[in-house]
Amino acid sequence: MTKPKILAFAGSTRTDSFNKKLVKIAATGAIEVGVDVTVVDLRDYSMPLYDGDLEQKEGLPQNARKLKALMLSHQGFLISSPEYNSSISGVLKNAIDWASRQSEGENSLACFKDKVAGIMSASPGGLGGLRGLVHVRSILENIGVLVIPDQMAISKAHEAFNADGTLKDKKQEEHVKKIAANVAKMLIKLSA
């Protein structure tokens, strides 16, 4: 049995992003179950806005190819997505759009089909990014990702974290870890 691998990232590039902190907490929950977790920062995979003409002329940008290769090599995702104007962040949507492009000899949506994901959000607002998660779930499920039902939205995120990046509310922190653990457990069962 191959040890499952989970790719964890936030849909934000801000240095002190609440969602980067949240996805790191989630990653620990998956690691505790015994899977490998790779945490990446989408800032390290800067790419132009998706443009079909650019793709046709030049192919996938180098960073899109790198991110896509990482996605292909992992069986699951942990995604913490900020809410931008009641929806998904542009950087996350753009990363999904580039990674969804089919390469020669590859199945359609190979980065996404049959993957398992856990989603979460942290936002200064009162709903914690909940409206954006509706869109993240819809997009992922429509491209073949099995998104587990449980999710977490941390409201008042500017007050929710300790200086070390942990959550002040330990019940919330355990819930975030549980989401990741459930993704990991599902992947272990699927790989058996």
N, C-alpha and C. Protein backbone atom coordinates (compact mmCIF):
# COMPACT_ATOMS: atom_id res chain seq x y z
N MET A 1 0.83 -1.18 0.00
CA MET A 1 0.00 0.00 0.00
C MET A 1 0.88 1.25 0.00
N THR A 2 0.62 2.14 -0.92
CA THR A 2 1.35 3.40 -0.99
C THR A 2 0.74 4.39 -0.01
N LYS A 3 1.61 5.10 0.68
CA LYS A 3 1.14 6.10 1.64
C LYS A 3 0.50 7.26 0.89
N PRO A 4 -0.77 7.60 1.19
CA PRO A 4 -1.42 8.71 0.50
C PRO A 4 -0.72 10.04 0.77
N LYS A 5 -0.87 10.93 -0.19
CA LYS A 5 -0.26 12.26 -0.09
C LYS A 5 -1.34 13.32 -0.27
N ILE A 6 -1.27 14.34 0.57
CA ILE A 6 -2.22 15.45 0.52
C ILE A 6 -1.45 16.73 0.24
N LEU A 7 -1.97 17.52 -0.69
CA LEU A 7 -1.42 18.84 -1.00
C LEU A 7 -2.28 19.87 -0.27
N ALA A 8 -1.65 20.70 0.54
CA ALA A 8 -2.37 21.70 1.34
C ALA A 8 -1.95 23.10 0.93
N PHE A 9 -2.93 23.95 0.70
CA PHE A 9 -2.63 25.33 0.32
C PHE A 9 -3.81 26.25 0.61
N ALA A 10 -3.49 27.53 0.69
CA ALA A 10 -4.52 28.55 0.89
C ALA A 10 -4.74 29.28 -0.42
N GLY A 11 -5.94 29.78 -0.59
CA GLY A 11 -6.27 30.55 -1.78
C GLY A 11 -5.93 32.01 -1.61
N SER A 12 -4.85 32.28 -0.92
CA SER A 12 -4.41 33.65 -0.63
C SER A 12 -2.91 33.72 -0.76
N THR A 13 -2.41 34.86 -1.19
CA THR A 13 -0.97 35.04 -1.29
C THR A 13 -0.43 36.02 -0.25
N ARG A 14 -1.29 36.61 0.55
CA ARG A 14 -0.87 37.59 1.56
C ARG A 14 0.07 36.91 2.56
N THR A 15 1.14 37.58 2.90
CA THR A 15 2.16 37.02 3.79
C THR A 15 1.57 36.53 5.11
N ASP A 16 0.75 37.34 5.75
CA ASP A 16 0.20 36.99 7.05
C ASP A 16 -1.25 36.50 6.93
N SER A 17 -1.53 35.78 5.86
CA SER A 17 -2.88 35.29 5.56
C SER A 17 -3.44 34.40 6.67
N PHE A 18 -4.67 34.69 7.07
CA PHE A 18 -5.37 33.84 8.04
C PHE A 18 -5.55 32.43 7.46
N ASN A 19 -5.79 32.36 6.17
CA ASN A 19 -6.03 31.06 5.54
C ASN A 19 -4.76 30.23 5.42
N LYS A 20 -3.61 30.87 5.29
CA LYS A 20 -2.35 30.12 5.33
C LYS A 20 -2.15 29.51 6.71
N LYS A 21 -2.48 30.28 7.75
CA LYS A 21 -2.38 29.76 9.11
C LYS A 21 -3.33 28.58 9.31
N LEU A 22 -4.54 28.74 8.81
CA LEU A 22 -5.56 27.71 9.00
C LEU A 22 -5.20 26.40 8.30
N VAL A 23 -4.67 26.49 7.07
CA VAL A 23 -4.35 25.27 6.35
C VAL A 23 -3.14 24.56 6.97
N LYS A 24 -2.26 25.31 7.62
CA LYS A 24 -1.14 24.68 8.33
C LYS A 24 -1.64 23.89 9.53
N ILE A 25 -2.64 24.44 10.22
CA ILE A 25 -3.25 23.71 11.33
C ILE A 25 -3.88 22.42 10.80
N ALA A 26 -4.61 22.53 9.71
CA ALA A 26 -5.24 21.35 9.11
C ALA A 26 -4.20 20.30 8.75
N ALA A 27 -3.10 20.74 8.18
CA ALA A 27 -2.06 19.80 7.77
C ALA A 27 -1.59 18.93 8.94
N THR A 28 -1.50 19.52 10.13
CA THR A 28 -1.07 18.73 11.28
C THR A 28 -2.06 17.61 11.60
N GLY A 29 -3.34 17.88 11.38
CA GLY A 29 -4.36 16.85 11.62
C GLY A 29 -4.21 15.66 10.69
N ALA A 30 -3.85 15.92 9.44
CA ALA A 30 -3.64 14.84 8.48
C ALA A 30 -2.35 14.08 8.77
N ILE A 31 -1.32 14.80 9.14
CA ILE A 31 -0.03 14.18 9.46
C ILE A 31 -0.18 13.23 10.65
N GLU A 32 -0.98 13.63 11.65
CA GLU A 32 -1.20 12.80 12.83
C GLU A 32 -1.84 11.46 12.48
N VAL A 33 -2.58 11.40 11.37
CA VAL A 33 -3.21 10.16 10.93
C VAL A 33 -2.21 9.26 10.20
N GLY A 34 -1.13 9.86 9.69
CA GLY A 34 -0.10 9.05 9.05
C GLY A 34 0.03 9.19 7.55
N VAL A 35 -0.44 10.30 6.99
CA VAL A 35 -0.25 10.53 5.56
C VAL A 35 0.83 11.60 5.37
N ASP A 36 1.35 11.67 4.18
CA ASP A 36 2.31 12.72 3.85
C ASP A 36 1.55 13.96 3.42
N VAL A 37 1.96 15.11 3.91
CA VAL A 37 1.32 16.37 3.54
C VAL A 37 2.38 17.33 3.03
N THR A 38 2.10 17.93 1.89
CA THR A 38 2.95 18.97 1.32
C THR A 38 2.19 20.28 1.41
N VAL A 39 2.72 21.24 2.15
CA VAL A 39 2.09 22.55 2.25
C VAL A 39 2.82 23.48 1.29
N VAL A 40 2.05 24.11 0.40
CA VAL A 40 2.64 25.05 -0.55
C VAL A 40 1.95 26.40 -0.44
N ASP A 41 2.64 27.41 -0.94
CA ASP A 41 2.14 28.78 -0.96
C ASP A 41 1.91 29.15 -2.42
N LEU A 42 0.68 29.50 -2.78
CA LEU A 42 0.40 29.85 -4.18
C LEU A 42 1.21 31.06 -4.65
N ARG A 43 1.73 31.84 -3.72
CA ARG A 43 2.61 32.96 -4.10
C ARG A 43 3.85 32.43 -4.85
N ASP A 44 4.26 31.22 -4.52
CA ASP A 44 5.43 30.61 -5.17
C ASP A 44 5.10 30.08 -6.56
N TYR A 45 3.83 30.15 -6.95
CA TYR A 45 3.39 29.64 -8.25
C TYR A 45 2.65 30.74 -9.02
N SER A 46 3.23 31.91 -9.01
CA SER A 46 2.63 33.05 -9.70
C SER A 46 2.46 32.73 -11.18
N MET A 47 1.29 33.04 -11.71
CA MET A 47 1.02 32.77 -13.13
C MET A 47 0.06 33.82 -13.67
N PRO A 48 0.10 34.04 -14.98
CA PRO A 48 -0.81 35.02 -15.55
C PRO A 48 -2.25 34.55 -15.43
N LEU A 49 -3.19 35.49 -15.59
CA LEU A 49 -4.59 35.10 -15.64
C LEU A 49 -4.78 34.12 -16.79
N TYR A 50 -5.66 33.13 -16.57
CA TYR A 50 -5.87 32.15 -17.63
C TYR A 50 -6.33 32.85 -18.90
N ASP A 51 -5.68 32.48 -20.02
CA ASP A 51 -5.98 33.07 -21.32
C ASP A 51 -5.78 31.97 -22.36
N GLY A 52 -6.87 31.57 -23.02
CA GLY A 52 -6.80 30.51 -24.01
C GLY A 52 -5.85 30.80 -25.15
N ASP A 53 -5.75 32.08 -25.54
CA ASP A 53 -4.82 32.44 -26.61
C ASP A 53 -3.38 32.24 -26.15
N LEU A 54 -3.09 32.63 -24.92
CA LEU A 54 -1.74 32.45 -24.37
C LEU A 54 -1.41 30.97 -24.27
N GLU A 55 -2.37 30.17 -23.84
CA GLU A 55 -2.15 28.73 -23.73
C GLU A 55 -1.86 28.13 -25.10
N GLN A 56 -2.63 28.54 -26.10
CA GLN A 56 -2.43 28.00 -27.45
C GLN A 56 -1.08 28.41 -28.02
N LYS A 57 -0.66 29.62 -27.74
CA LYS A 57 0.61 30.15 -28.27
C LYS A 57 1.83 29.59 -27.54
N GLU A 58 1.73 29.52 -26.19
CA GLU A 58 2.92 29.19 -25.40
C GLU A 58 2.77 27.93 -24.54
N GLY A 59 1.57 27.36 -24.48
CA GLY A 59 1.33 26.24 -23.58
C GLY A 59 1.14 26.73 -22.16
N LEU A 60 1.16 25.80 -21.22
CA LEU A 60 1.00 26.18 -19.82
C LEU A 60 2.24 26.93 -19.33
N PRO A 61 2.04 28.01 -18.57
CA PRO A 61 3.19 28.70 -17.98
C PRO A 61 3.96 27.74 -17.06
N GLN A 62 5.24 28.01 -16.87
CA GLN A 62 6.10 27.14 -16.08
C GLN A 62 5.53 26.87 -14.69
N ASN A 63 5.07 27.91 -13.99
CA ASN A 63 4.54 27.70 -12.65
C ASN A 63 3.23 26.91 -12.65
N ALA A 64 2.45 27.06 -13.70
CA ALA A 64 1.23 26.25 -13.82
C ALA A 64 1.60 24.78 -13.99
N ARG A 65 2.64 24.51 -14.77
CA ARG A 65 3.11 23.12 -14.95
C ARG A 65 3.62 22.55 -13.62
N LYS A 66 4.36 23.36 -12.87
CA LYS A 66 4.88 22.91 -11.58
C LYS A 66 3.75 22.59 -10.60
N LEU A 67 2.78 23.49 -10.51
CA LEU A 67 1.65 23.26 -9.60
C LEU A 67 0.84 22.06 -10.05
N LYS A 68 0.63 21.95 -11.32
CA LYS A 68 -0.13 20.83 -11.86
C LYS A 68 0.58 19.50 -11.55
N ALA A 69 1.89 19.47 -11.69
CA ALA A 69 2.65 18.25 -11.38
C ALA A 69 2.48 17.87 -9.90
N LEU A 70 2.50 18.88 -9.03
CA LEU A 70 2.27 18.61 -7.61
C LEU A 70 0.87 18.06 -7.38
N MET A 71 -0.11 18.66 -8.01
CA MET A 71 -1.49 18.21 -7.85
C MET A 71 -1.66 16.78 -8.35
N LEU A 72 -1.02 16.46 -9.45
CA LEU A 72 -1.11 15.11 -10.01
C LEU A 72 -0.49 14.07 -9.09
N SER A 73 0.54 14.47 -8.35
CA SER A 73 1.27 13.52 -7.50
C SER A 73 0.65 13.36 -6.11
N HIS A 74 -0.44 14.05 -5.84
CA HIS A 74 -1.13 13.96 -4.55
C HIS A 74 -2.55 13.44 -4.76
N GLN A 75 -3.03 12.68 -3.80
CA GLN A 75 -4.36 12.09 -3.92
C GLN A 75 -5.45 12.94 -3.25
N GLY A 76 -5.05 13.89 -2.45
CA GLY A 76 -6.02 14.72 -1.74
C GLY A 76 -5.56 16.15 -1.61
N PHE A 77 -6.51 17.00 -1.22
CA PHE A 77 -6.24 18.43 -1.05
C PHE A 77 -6.84 18.92 0.26
N LEU A 78 -6.13 19.82 0.89
CA LEU A 78 -6.68 20.63 1.98
C LEU A 78 -6.59 22.06 1.47
N ILE A 79 -7.74 22.72 1.38
CA ILE A 79 -7.77 24.06 0.81
C ILE A 79 -8.46 25.00 1.78
N SER A 80 -7.75 26.06 2.15
CA SER A 80 -8.34 27.11 2.96
C SER A 80 -8.50 28.32 2.07
N SER A 81 -9.73 28.71 1.84
CA SER A 81 -10.00 29.75 0.86
C SER A 81 -10.59 31.00 1.49
N PRO A 82 -9.95 32.13 1.27
CA PRO A 82 -10.57 33.37 1.74
C PRO A 82 -11.81 33.66 0.90
N GLU A 83 -12.66 34.49 1.44
CA GLU A 83 -13.85 34.91 0.70
C GLU A 83 -13.61 36.31 0.17
N TYR A 84 -13.68 36.44 -1.15
CA TYR A 84 -13.53 37.75 -1.78
C TYR A 84 -14.88 38.12 -2.39
N ASN A 85 -15.50 39.14 -1.85
CA ASN A 85 -16.79 39.61 -2.36
C ASN A 85 -17.79 38.47 -2.50
N SER A 86 -17.93 37.70 -1.45
CA SER A 86 -18.88 36.59 -1.35
C SER A 86 -18.56 35.41 -2.24
N SER A 87 -17.32 35.27 -2.70
CA SER A 87 -16.98 34.18 -3.60
C SER A 87 -15.53 33.73 -3.40
N ILE A 88 -15.05 32.98 -4.34
CA ILE A 88 -13.70 32.41 -4.35
C ILE A 88 -12.67 33.49 -4.69
N SER A 89 -11.47 33.37 -4.17
CA SER A 89 -10.41 34.33 -4.49
C SER A 89 -9.94 34.13 -5.93
N GLY A 90 -9.52 35.21 -6.55
CA GLY A 90 -9.03 35.14 -7.93
C GLY A 90 -7.82 34.24 -8.08
N VAL A 91 -6.91 34.28 -7.12
CA VAL A 91 -5.69 33.47 -7.22
C VAL A 91 -6.02 31.98 -7.17
N LEU A 92 -6.98 31.60 -6.33
CA LEU A 92 -7.37 30.19 -6.26
C LEU A 92 -8.08 29.75 -7.54
N LYS A 93 -9.00 30.57 -8.00
CA LYS A 93 -9.72 30.23 -9.24
C LYS A 93 -8.76 30.12 -10.41
N ASN A 94 -7.81 31.03 -10.50
CA ASN A 94 -6.84 31.01 -11.59
C ASN A 94 -5.96 29.75 -11.53
N ALA A 95 -5.55 29.37 -10.33
CA ALA A 95 -4.74 28.15 -10.18
C ALA A 95 -5.54 26.92 -10.62
N ILE A 96 -6.81 26.87 -10.24
CA ILE A 96 -7.67 25.77 -10.66
C ILE A 96 -7.84 25.77 -12.17
N ASP A 97 -8.06 26.94 -12.75
CA ASP A 97 -8.26 27.04 -14.20
C ASP A 97 -7.04 26.55 -14.97
N TRP A 98 -5.84 26.97 -14.58
CA TRP A 98 -4.63 26.52 -15.28
C TRP A 98 -4.41 25.01 -15.08
N ALA A 99 -4.59 24.53 -13.83
CA ALA A 99 -4.35 23.11 -13.55
C ALA A 99 -5.36 22.21 -14.25
N SER A 100 -6.51 22.76 -14.58
CA SER A 100 -7.56 21.95 -15.22
C SER A 100 -7.29 21.70 -16.71
N ARG A 101 -6.34 22.39 -17.28
CA ARG A 101 -6.08 22.26 -18.71
C ARG A 101 -5.45 20.91 -19.01
N GLN A 102 -5.98 20.24 -20.00
CA GLN A 102 -5.56 18.89 -20.35
C GLN A 102 -4.28 18.92 -21.18
N SER A 103 -3.29 18.18 -20.73
CA SER A 103 -2.04 18.05 -21.48
C SER A 103 -2.13 16.82 -22.37
N GLU A 104 -1.27 16.75 -23.36
CA GLU A 104 -1.27 15.63 -24.31
C GLU A 104 -1.05 14.32 -23.57
N GLY A 105 -1.87 13.32 -23.89
CA GLY A 105 -1.76 12.01 -23.27
C GLY A 105 -2.33 11.93 -21.86
N GLU A 106 -3.03 12.94 -21.46
CA GLU A 106 -3.54 13.01 -20.10
C GLU A 106 -5.07 12.98 -20.14
N ASN A 107 -5.67 12.34 -19.16
CA ASN A 107 -7.12 12.35 -19.05
C ASN A 107 -7.62 13.75 -18.72
N SER A 108 -8.83 14.05 -19.13
CA SER A 108 -9.44 15.33 -18.81
C SER A 108 -9.53 15.51 -17.29
N LEU A 109 -9.16 16.68 -16.83
CA LEU A 109 -9.22 17.04 -15.41
C LEU A 109 -8.43 16.08 -14.51
N ALA A 110 -7.32 15.60 -15.01
CA ALA A 110 -6.52 14.60 -14.29
C ALA A 110 -6.07 15.06 -12.91
N CYS A 111 -5.89 16.34 -12.71
CA CYS A 111 -5.48 16.86 -11.40
C CYS A 111 -6.58 16.78 -10.36
N PHE A 112 -7.79 16.63 -10.82
CA PHE A 112 -8.93 16.75 -9.92
C PHE A 112 -9.81 15.51 -9.79
N LYS A 113 -9.99 14.77 -10.86
CA LYS A 113 -10.90 13.62 -10.83
C LYS A 113 -10.45 12.59 -9.80
N ASP A 114 -11.40 12.16 -9.00
CA ASP A 114 -11.19 11.13 -7.99
C ASP A 114 -10.27 11.55 -6.85
N LYS A 115 -10.03 12.84 -6.69
CA LYS A 115 -9.27 13.34 -5.54
C LYS A 115 -10.27 13.60 -4.41
N VAL A 116 -9.76 13.63 -3.19
CA VAL A 116 -10.59 13.91 -2.01
C VAL A 116 -10.09 15.22 -1.40
N ALA A 117 -11.01 16.08 -1.01
CA ALA A 117 -10.61 17.37 -0.45
C ALA A 117 -11.39 17.73 0.80
N GLY A 118 -10.73 18.49 1.64
CA GLY A 118 -11.36 19.13 2.78
C GLY A 118 -11.19 20.63 2.60
N ILE A 119 -12.25 21.39 2.87
CA ILE A 119 -12.19 22.83 2.66
C ILE A 119 -12.50 23.58 3.94
N MET A 120 -11.95 24.77 4.03
CA MET A 120 -12.12 25.61 5.20
C MET A 120 -11.87 27.05 4.81
N SER A 121 -12.18 27.96 5.72
CA SER A 121 -12.01 29.37 5.44
C SER A 121 -11.84 30.14 6.74
N ALA A 122 -11.15 31.26 6.64
CA ALA A 122 -11.03 32.19 7.76
C ALA A 122 -11.21 33.59 7.18
N SER A 123 -12.05 34.38 7.84
CA SER A 123 -12.34 35.72 7.34
C SER A 123 -12.64 36.64 8.51
N PRO A 124 -12.29 37.92 8.38
CA PRO A 124 -12.64 38.87 9.43
C PRO A 124 -14.16 39.05 9.58
N GLY A 125 -14.91 38.70 8.57
CA GLY A 125 -16.36 38.87 8.59
C GLY A 125 -17.06 37.92 9.54
N GLY A 126 -18.34 38.19 9.75
CA GLY A 126 -19.14 37.42 10.69
C GLY A 126 -19.44 36.00 10.25
N LEU A 127 -19.38 35.72 8.96
CA LEU A 127 -19.67 34.37 8.46
C LEU A 127 -18.40 33.54 8.24
N GLY A 128 -17.25 34.14 8.41
CA GLY A 128 -15.99 33.40 8.33
C GLY A 128 -15.62 32.89 6.95
N GLY A 129 -16.23 33.44 5.90
CA GLY A 129 -15.91 32.97 4.55
C GLY A 129 -16.85 31.89 4.05
N LEU A 130 -17.92 31.66 4.78
CA LEU A 130 -18.87 30.59 4.45
C LEU A 130 -19.45 30.73 3.04
N ARG A 131 -19.78 31.94 2.61
CA ARG A 131 -20.35 32.12 1.27
C ARG A 131 -19.36 31.73 0.19
N GLY A 132 -18.09 32.03 0.40
CA GLY A 132 -17.07 31.64 -0.57
C GLY A 132 -16.88 30.14 -0.66
N LEU A 133 -17.04 29.45 0.49
CA LEU A 133 -16.88 27.99 0.50
C LEU A 133 -17.94 27.30 -0.35
N VAL A 134 -19.12 27.90 -0.44
CA VAL A 134 -20.17 27.34 -1.29
C VAL A 134 -19.65 27.26 -2.73
N HIS A 135 -18.97 28.29 -3.18
CA HIS A 135 -18.44 28.33 -4.54
C HIS A 135 -17.25 27.39 -4.71
N VAL A 136 -16.37 27.35 -3.71
CA VAL A 136 -15.22 26.44 -3.77
C VAL A 136 -15.72 25.00 -3.90
N ARG A 137 -16.67 24.63 -3.05
CA ARG A 137 -17.23 23.27 -3.09
C ARG A 137 -17.85 22.98 -4.46
N SER A 138 -18.64 23.90 -4.97
CA SER A 138 -19.31 23.71 -6.25
C SER A 138 -18.30 23.51 -7.38
N ILE A 139 -17.29 24.35 -7.42
CA ILE A 139 -16.28 24.25 -8.48
C ILE A 139 -15.57 22.90 -8.40
N LEU A 140 -15.08 22.57 -7.21
CA LEU A 140 -14.32 21.32 -7.06
C LEU A 140 -15.17 20.10 -7.38
N GLU A 141 -16.40 20.07 -6.88
CA GLU A 141 -17.24 18.91 -7.15
C GLU A 141 -17.58 18.80 -8.64
N ASN A 142 -17.76 19.92 -9.31
CA ASN A 142 -18.07 19.89 -10.74
C ASN A 142 -16.90 19.42 -11.60
N ILE A 143 -15.68 19.45 -11.05
CA ILE A 143 -14.53 18.97 -11.83
C ILE A 143 -14.01 17.63 -11.30
N GLY A 144 -14.83 16.96 -10.51
CA GLY A 144 -14.52 15.58 -10.15
C GLY A 144 -13.91 15.33 -8.80
N VAL A 145 -13.80 16.36 -7.95
CA VAL A 145 -13.23 16.19 -6.62
C VAL A 145 -14.34 15.79 -5.65
N LEU A 146 -14.06 14.81 -4.81
CA LEU A 146 -14.96 14.44 -3.74
C LEU A 146 -14.62 15.33 -2.54
N VAL A 147 -15.48 16.30 -2.26
CA VAL A 147 -15.26 17.22 -1.14
C VAL A 147 -16.04 16.68 0.05
N ILE A 148 -15.35 16.38 1.14
CA ILE A 148 -16.05 15.82 2.30
C ILE A 148 -17.08 16.83 2.80
N PRO A 149 -18.17 16.34 3.38
CA PRO A 149 -19.25 17.24 3.80
C PRO A 149 -18.84 18.24 4.88
N ASP A 150 -18.04 17.82 5.84
CA ASP A 150 -17.65 18.69 6.94
C ASP A 150 -16.71 19.78 6.45
N GLN A 151 -16.93 21.00 6.92
CA GLN A 151 -16.06 22.12 6.56
C GLN A 151 -16.01 23.07 7.76
N MET A 152 -15.15 24.06 7.68
CA MET A 152 -15.02 25.00 8.80
C MET A 152 -14.86 26.41 8.28
N ALA A 153 -15.57 27.35 8.89
CA ALA A 153 -15.44 28.77 8.56
C ALA A 153 -15.18 29.52 9.87
N ILE A 154 -14.02 30.12 9.96
CA ILE A 154 -13.61 30.85 11.17
C ILE A 154 -13.94 32.33 10.98
N SER A 155 -14.89 32.83 11.75
CA SER A 155 -15.25 34.25 11.67
C SER A 155 -14.32 35.08 12.56
N LYS A 156 -14.32 36.38 12.33
CA LYS A 156 -13.49 37.31 13.09
C LYS A 156 -12.05 36.81 13.16
N ALA A 157 -11.54 36.41 12.01
CA ALA A 157 -10.22 35.78 11.93
C ALA A 157 -9.11 36.67 12.47
N HIS A 158 -9.28 37.98 12.37
CA HIS A 158 -8.27 38.91 12.87
C HIS A 158 -8.12 38.82 14.39
N GLU A 159 -9.09 38.17 15.06
CA GLU A 159 -9.03 37.99 16.51
C GLU A 159 -8.88 36.51 16.89
N ALA A 160 -8.90 35.61 15.92
CA ALA A 160 -9.01 34.17 16.20
C ALA A 160 -7.69 33.44 16.43
N PHE A 161 -6.57 34.04 15.99
CA PHE A 161 -5.30 33.32 16.04
C PHE A 161 -4.37 33.85 17.12
N ASN A 162 -3.62 32.94 17.71
CA ASN A 162 -2.54 33.31 18.62
C ASN A 162 -1.34 33.75 17.80
N ALA A 163 -0.37 34.35 18.45
CA ALA A 163 0.84 34.83 17.77
C ALA A 163 1.59 33.69 17.08
N ASP A 164 1.50 32.46 17.61
CA ASP A 164 2.21 31.32 17.02
C ASP A 164 1.45 30.66 15.87
N GLY A 165 0.29 31.23 15.48
CA GLY A 165 -0.47 30.69 14.34
C GLY A 165 -1.53 29.68 14.73
N THR A 166 -1.61 29.32 15.99
CA THR A 166 -2.65 28.40 16.43
C THR A 166 -3.94 29.18 16.67
N LEU A 167 -5.04 28.46 16.75
CA LEU A 167 -6.32 29.11 17.04
C LEU A 167 -6.51 29.27 18.55
N LYS A 168 -7.07 30.39 18.95
CA LYS A 168 -7.35 30.62 20.36
C LYS A 168 -8.42 29.66 20.87
N ASP A 169 -9.41 29.38 20.04
CA ASP A 169 -10.49 28.46 20.40
C ASP A 169 -10.03 27.03 20.06
N LYS A 170 -9.72 26.26 21.07
CA LYS A 170 -9.18 24.91 20.87
C LYS A 170 -10.20 23.97 20.23
N LYS A 171 -11.50 24.20 20.46
CA LYS A 171 -12.52 23.38 19.81
C LYS A 171 -12.50 23.63 18.30
N GLN A 172 -12.34 24.88 17.90
CA GLN A 172 -12.23 25.18 16.46
C GLN A 172 -10.99 24.52 15.88
N GLU A 173 -9.88 24.61 16.61
CA GLU A 173 -8.64 24.02 16.12
C GLU A 173 -8.78 22.50 15.95
N GLU A 174 -9.40 21.85 16.91
CA GLU A 174 -9.60 20.41 16.81
C GLU A 174 -10.54 20.06 15.65
N HIS A 175 -11.53 20.90 15.40
CA HIS A 175 -12.45 20.67 14.28
C HIS A 175 -11.70 20.76 12.95
N VAL A 176 -10.83 21.75 12.81
CA VAL A 176 -10.03 21.90 11.59
C VAL A 176 -9.14 20.67 11.39
N LYS A 177 -8.49 20.22 12.45
CA LYS A 177 -7.64 19.03 12.38
C LYS A 177 -8.47 17.80 12.03
N LYS A 178 -9.69 17.72 12.56
CA LYS A 178 -10.56 16.58 12.29
C LYS A 178 -10.95 16.52 10.81
N ILE A 179 -11.21 17.66 10.21
CA ILE A 179 -11.52 17.70 8.78
C ILE A 179 -10.37 17.07 7.99
N ALA A 180 -9.16 17.51 8.30
CA ALA A 180 -7.98 16.99 7.61
C ALA A 180 -7.78 15.50 7.91
N ALA A 181 -7.99 15.12 9.15
CA ALA A 181 -7.85 13.70 9.53
C ALA A 181 -8.86 12.85 8.76
N ASN A 182 -10.07 13.37 8.58
CA ASN A 182 -11.08 12.61 7.84
C ASN A 182 -10.71 12.46 6.37
N VAL A 183 -10.12 13.49 5.78
CA VAL A 183 -9.63 13.37 4.40
C VAL A 183 -8.55 12.29 4.35
N ALA A 184 -7.63 12.34 5.30
CA ALA A 184 -6.53 11.37 5.35
C ALA A 184 -7.06 9.94 5.52
N LYS A 185 -8.01 9.76 6.42
CA LYS A 185 -8.57 8.43 6.66
C LYS A 185 -9.28 7.88 5.43
N MET A 186 -9.98 8.76 4.74
CA MET A 186 -10.67 8.33 3.52
C MET A 186 -9.66 7.90 2.47
N LEU A 187 -8.57 8.66 2.34
CA LEU A 187 -7.54 8.31 1.36
C LEU A 187 -6.87 6.99 1.72
N ILE A 188 -6.65 6.76 2.99
CA ILE A 188 -6.04 5.49 3.42
C ILE A 188 -6.96 4.32 3.05
N LYS A 189 -8.26 4.47 3.30
CA LYS A 189 -9.21 3.42 2.95
C LYS A 189 -9.26 3.19 1.44
N LEU A 190 -9.23 4.28 0.68
CA LEU A 190 -9.29 4.15 -0.78
C LEU A 190 -8.02 3.51 -1.36
N SER A 191 -6.90 3.70 -0.68
CA SER A 191 -5.64 3.15 -1.21
C SER A 191 -5.42 1.71 -0.78
N ALA A 192 -6.22 1.23 0.16
CA ALA A 192 -6.03 -0.14 0.68
C ALA A 192 -6.47 -1.18 -0.35
